[in-house]
C-alpha atoms as a PDB file:
ATOM      1  CA  MET A   1      -3.427   3.137 -21.119  1.00  0.00           C
ATOM      2  CA  ILE A   2      -3.405   6.659 -19.691  1.00  0.00           C
ATOM      3  CA  GLY A   3      -4.201   7.063 -16.572  1.00  0.00           C
ATOM      4  CA  ALA A   4      -3.892   3.695 -15.489  1.00  0.00           C
ATOM      5  CA  PRO A   5      -2.476   2.914 -12.177  1.00  0.00           C
ATOM      6  CA  LYS A   6       1.168   1.878 -11.648  1.00  0.00           C
ATOM      7  CA  SER A   7       1.255  -1.775 -11.773  1.00  0.00           C
ATOM      8  CA  SER A   8       1.595  -3.574  -7.803  1.00  0.00           C
ATOM      9  CA  VAL A   9       4.273  -6.251  -9.436  1.00  0.00           C
ATOM     10  CA  ALA A  10       6.795  -6.875  -6.399  1.00  0.00           C
ATOM     11  CA  ARG A  11      10.100  -5.333  -7.578  1.00  0.00           C
ATOM     12  CA  GLU A  12      13.220  -7.524  -6.900  1.00  0.00           C
ATOM     13  CA  PRO A  13      15.158  -5.866  -4.251  1.00  0.00           C
ATOM     14  CA  SER A  14      18.275  -3.892  -5.238  1.00  0.00           C
ATOM     15  CA  GLU A  15      21.621  -3.568  -3.979  1.00  0.00           C
ATOM     16  CA  PRO A  16      22.260  -0.508  -2.090  1.00  0.00           C
ATOM     17  CA  ASP A  17      23.986   2.112  -4.403  1.00  0.00           C
ATOM     18  CA  ALA A  18      26.492   5.116  -3.720  1.00  0.00           C
ATOM     19  CA  HIS A  19      23.233   7.818  -3.227  1.00  0.00           C
ATOM     20  CA  ASP A  20      21.818   4.858  -0.318  1.00  0.00           C
ATOM     21  CA  PHE A  21      24.707   5.305   1.437  1.00  0.00           C
ATOM     22  CA  GLN A  22      25.120   8.760   0.930  1.00  0.00           C
ATOM     23  CA  LEU A  23      21.548   9.058   2.580  1.00  0.00           C
ATOM     24  CA  ARG A  24      22.081   6.656   5.423  1.00  0.00           C
ATOM     25  CA  ASP A  25      25.249   8.422   6.175  1.00  0.00           C
ATOM     26  CA  LEU A  26      22.916  11.913   6.498  1.00  0.00           C
ATOM     27  CA  VAL A  27      20.658  10.163   8.809  1.00  0.00           C
ATOM     28  CA  VAL A  28      23.865   9.019  10.989  1.00  0.00           C
ATOM     29  CA  HIS A  29      25.130  12.570  11.021  1.00  0.00           C
ATOM     30  CA  MET A  30      21.724  14.152  11.972  1.00  0.00           C
ATOM     31  CA  ALA A  31      21.413  11.494  14.845  1.00  0.00           C
ATOM     32  CA  LYS A  32      24.761  11.664  16.311  1.00  0.00           C
ATOM     33  CA  GLY A  33      24.191  15.303  16.760  1.00  0.00           C
ATOM     34  CA  LEU A  34      20.984  14.764  18.658  1.00  0.00           C
ATOM     35  CA  VAL A  35      21.856  11.726  21.211  1.00  0.00           C
ATOM     36  CA  ASP A  36      24.043  11.379  23.980  1.00  0.00           C
ATOM     37  CA  HIS A  37      25.565   8.133  22.840  1.00  0.00           C
ATOM     38  CA  PRO A  38      26.545   8.645  19.716  1.00  0.00           C
ATOM     39  CA  GLU A  39      28.685   5.804  19.504  1.00  0.00           C
ATOM     40  CA  GLN A  40      25.733   3.894  19.389  1.00  0.00           C
ATOM     41  CA  VAL A  41      23.817   4.932  16.336  1.00  0.00           C
ATOM     42  CA  ALA A  42      23.112   2.999  13.668  1.00  0.00           C
ATOM     43  CA  VAL A  43      21.219   3.155  10.364  1.00  0.00           C
ATOM     44  CA  GLU A  44      20.621   0.068   8.398  1.00  0.00           C
ATOM     45  CA  ILE A  45      19.459  -0.081   4.224  1.00  0.00           C
ATOM     46  CA  VAL A  46      16.478  -2.002   4.853  1.00  0.00           C
ATOM     47  CA  THR A  47      15.275  -1.543   1.086  1.00  0.00           C
ATOM     48  CA  ALA A  48      17.360   0.183  -1.422  1.00  0.00           C
ATOM     49  CA  GLY A  49      16.243   1.899  -4.804  1.00  0.00           C
ATOM     50  CA  GLU A  50      14.211   4.326  -5.985  1.00  0.00           C
ATOM     51  CA  GLU A  51      11.682   3.575  -3.035  1.00  0.00           C
ATOM     52  CA  GLY A  52      13.918   2.717   0.215  1.00  0.00           C
ATOM     53  CA  GLU A  53      13.966   2.480   3.656  1.00  0.00           C
ATOM     54  CA  LEU A  54      16.181   3.274   6.253  1.00  0.00           C
ATOM     55  CA  GLU A  55      15.967   1.894   9.953  1.00  0.00           C
ATOM     56  CA  LEU A  56      17.517   3.774  12.808  1.00  0.00           C
ATOM     57  CA  ARG A  57      18.461   2.602  16.398  1.00  0.00           C
ATOM     58  CA  VAL A  58      20.099   4.339  19.370  1.00  0.00           C
ATOM     59  CA  HIS A  59      20.747   3.690  22.922  1.00  0.00           C
ATOM     60  CA  ASP A  60      17.486   3.526  24.620  1.00  0.00           C
ATOM     61  CA  ASP A  61      18.333   6.759  26.841  1.00  0.00           C
ATOM     62  CA  ASP A  62      18.355   8.473  23.510  1.00  0.00           C
ATOM     63  CA  MET A  63      14.992   7.095  22.309  1.00  0.00           C
ATOM     64  CA  GLY A  64      13.213  10.677  23.625  1.00  0.00           C
ATOM     65  CA  HIS A  65      15.735  12.718  21.982  1.00  0.00           C
ATOM     66  CA  VAL A  66      15.433  11.143  18.598  1.00  0.00           C
ATOM     67  CA  ILE A  67      11.628  10.931  18.594  1.00  0.00           C
ATOM     68  CA  GLY A  68      11.018  14.415  20.511  1.00  0.00           C
ATOM     69  CA  LYS A  69       7.976  16.209  21.878  1.00  0.00           C
ATOM     70  CA  GLN A  70       5.054  14.835  20.113  1.00  0.00           C
ATOM     71  CA  GLY A  71       7.369  13.262  17.190  1.00  0.00           C
ATOM     72  CA  ARG A  72       8.507  16.504  15.848  1.00  0.00           C
ATOM     73  CA  THR A  73      12.138  15.745  15.762  1.00  0.00           C
ATOM     74  CA  ALA A  74      11.488  12.423  14.022  1.00  0.00           C
ATOM     75  CA  ARG A  75       9.374  14.424  11.712  1.00  0.00           C
ATOM     76  CA  SER A  76      11.995  16.782  11.198  1.00  0.00           C
ATOM     77  CA  LEU A  77      14.383  13.860  10.390  1.00  0.00           C
ATOM     78  CA  ARG A  78      11.951  12.379   7.661  1.00  0.00           C
ATOM     79  CA  LEU A  79      11.657  15.537   6.176  1.00  0.00           C
ATOM     80  CA  ALA A  80      15.237  16.359   6.139  1.00  0.00           C
ATOM     81  CA  LEU A  81      15.753  12.515   4.813  1.00  0.00           C
ATOM     82  CA  GLY A  82      12.776  13.072   2.156  1.00  0.00           C
ATOM     83  CA  ALA A  83      14.472  16.202   0.708  1.00  0.00           C
ATOM     84  CA  ALA A  84      17.827  14.957   0.411  1.00  0.00           C
ATOM     85  CA  ALA A  85      16.458  11.953  -1.525  1.00  0.00           C
ATOM     86  CA  ALA A  86      14.138  13.978  -3.857  1.00  0.00           C
ATOM     87  CA  ARG A  87      17.359  15.939  -4.794  1.00  0.00           C
ATOM     88  CA  VAL A  88      18.357  12.239  -6.224  1.00  0.00           C
ATOM     89  CA  ASP A  89      14.767  11.499  -7.702  1.00  0.00           C
ATOM     90  CA  ARG A  90      13.903   8.962  -4.974  1.00  0.00           C
ATOM     91  CA  ARG A  91      12.016   8.230  -1.971  1.00  0.00           C
ATOM     92  CA  MET A  92      13.319   7.369   1.173  1.00  0.00           C
ATOM     93  CA  GLY A  93      11.526   6.264   4.613  1.00  0.00           C
ATOM     94  CA  LEU A  94      12.982   6.217   7.959  1.00  0.00           C
ATOM     95  CA  GLU A  95      11.976   3.860  11.051  1.00  0.00           C
ATOM     96  CA  ILE A  96      12.960   4.402  14.278  1.00  0.00           C
ATOM     97  CA  ALA A  97      13.281   1.050  16.064  1.00  0.00           C
ATOM     98  CA  ASP A  98      12.586   0.466  19.642  1.00  0.00           C
END
């Protein structure tokens, strides 16, 4: 059908591949540059594949550094991640865990 909406069939979760790990490493690198406790930066691949999701965890004292004023730093992290993901024909979201 022309113009038919994409099916909402749930896809099987896929295993992370090299692109997922590269995108995760990008977020780790950017976050470590923002925080006072870089050894406590952790990024987990929650969902892998074409429409993936990452979760960023930092030390409690560094939460403000990662979020920024009015969420601008977090928005910039997501924008950079989205641009890098688009280069490999993917979409990747970023959640910042409390």
